[in-house]
Amino acid sequence: MQPGIGFSVMNEKGDPQNPDVVVVLGGLAMPKFGCVPEEVLDMIQEISGEQKPKIIGVCFMNIFERAGWEKKIPFNTLIDTTLETVAK
């Protein structure tokens, strides 16, 4: 755990300040996590300062649309995937 950043899979510390790109993962929009888009926007503003990074959303099964996040977060790009079960 890296305070102010989140979890890291590497031993190197990251610096989230002044990013060119911010990737927002769709799991945050799932009701069971209790995160609201305003908190995500606040975090983006906090780490971005005067810079306006590109915001990329990556989700499955239209979660940003179903949760209303696409109307509240100004995504520059939204990558949405649909999963289907395959019978064997």
Protein backbone atom coordinates (compact mmCIF):
# COMPACT_ATOMS: atom_id res chain seq x y z
CA MET A 1 0.00 0.00 0.00
CA GLN A 2 1.27 3.44 -0.94
CA PRO A 3 -0.46 6.26 0.97
CA GLY A 4 -2.30 8.68 -1.33
CA ILE A 5 -1.83 6.41 -4.33
CA GLY A 6 -3.21 2.94 -3.63
CA PHE A 7 -1.77 -0.51 -4.09
CA SER A 8 1.33 -1.17 -6.15
CA VAL A 9 2.62 -4.45 -7.54
CA MET A 10 6.16 -3.06 -7.76
CA ASN A 11 8.63 -1.98 -5.11
CA GLU A 12 9.13 1.37 -6.89
CA LYS A 13 7.17 4.30 -5.51
CA GLY A 14 5.07 6.24 -7.97
CA ASP A 15 4.42 9.97 -8.03
CA PRO A 16 0.83 10.68 -9.00
CA GLN A 17 1.33 14.45 -9.23
CA ASN A 18 0.70 16.22 -12.58
CA PRO A 19 -0.32 13.16 -14.64
CA ASP A 20 -0.83 13.32 -18.39
CA VAL A 21 -3.42 10.54 -18.18
CA VAL A 22 -5.67 9.20 -15.42
CA VAL A 23 -7.28 5.78 -15.87
CA VAL A 24 -10.50 5.26 -13.91
CA LEU A 25 -11.43 1.61 -13.44
CA GLY A 26 -15.09 0.62 -13.57
CA GLY A 27 -14.97 -1.35 -10.35
CA LEU A 28 -15.11 1.97 -8.50
CA ALA A 29 -18.62 2.56 -9.90
CA MET A 30 -19.97 -0.72 -8.53
CA PRO A 31 -22.47 -0.09 -5.70
CA LYS A 32 -20.75 -2.47 -3.28
CA PHE A 33 -17.67 -0.21 -3.15
CA GLY A 34 -19.58 2.97 -2.22
CA CYS A 35 -17.40 5.32 -4.26
CA VAL A 36 -19.12 8.32 -5.85
CA PRO A 37 -17.90 10.07 -9.02
CA GLU A 38 -17.43 13.34 -7.13
CA GLU A 39 -14.72 11.67 -5.01
CA VAL A 40 -12.95 10.53 -8.17
CA LEU A 41 -13.15 14.04 -9.64
CA ASP A 42 -11.80 15.50 -6.38
CA MET A 43 -8.87 13.06 -6.46
CA ILE A 44 -8.13 13.91 -10.11
CA GLN A 45 -8.18 17.62 -9.28
CA GLU A 46 -5.97 17.08 -6.23
CA ILE A 47 -3.22 15.27 -8.13
CA SER A 48 -3.51 17.35 -11.33
CA GLY A 49 -3.21 20.89 -10.05
CA GLU A 50 -3.41 23.26 -13.03
CA GLN A 51 -2.83 20.50 -15.59
CA LYS A 52 -5.84 18.86 -17.25
CA PRO A 53 -5.02 15.19 -17.80
CA LYS A 54 -6.82 12.97 -20.28
CA ILE A 55 -9.32 10.78 -18.42
CA ILE A 56 -9.72 7.22 -19.68
CA GLY A 57 -12.46 4.99 -18.30
CA VAL A 58 -12.08 1.21 -18.49
CA CYS A 59 -15.08 -0.89 -17.51
CA PHE A 60 -17.17 -3.97 -18.18
CA MET A 61 -20.87 -4.36 -18.89
CA ASN A 62 -21.73 -0.62 -19.11
CA ILE A 63 -21.10 0.02 -15.39
CA PHE A 64 -20.21 3.70 -15.91
CA GLU A 65 -23.41 4.24 -17.89
CA ARG A 66 -25.58 2.24 -15.46
CA ALA A 67 -24.13 4.13 -12.47
CA GLY A 68 -24.49 7.53 -14.19
CA TRP A 69 -20.75 8.23 -14.08
CA GLU A 70 -20.45 9.00 -17.80
CA LYS A 71 -22.53 12.14 -17.22
CA LYS A 72 -20.43 13.27 -14.24
CA ILE A 73 -16.85 12.46 -15.25
CA PRO A 74 -15.55 14.05 -18.48
CA PHE A 75 -14.02 10.91 -19.99
CA ASN A 76 -11.88 11.59 -23.05
CA THR A 77 -12.03 7.91 -23.90
CA LEU A 78 -14.26 5.16 -22.56
CA ILE A 79 -13.34 1.51 -23.09
CA ASP A 80 -16.29 -0.73 -22.30
CA THR A 81 -16.29 -4.49 -22.72
CA THR A 82 -19.10 -7.02 -22.61
CA LEU A 83 -18.47 -10.50 -21.26
CA GLU A 84 -20.43 -13.57 -22.21
CA THR A 85 -20.27 -17.09 -20.85
CA VAL A 86 -19.21 -19.78 -23.23
CA ALA A 87 -20.66 -23.26 -22.74
CA LYS A 88 -18.18 -26.11 -23.03
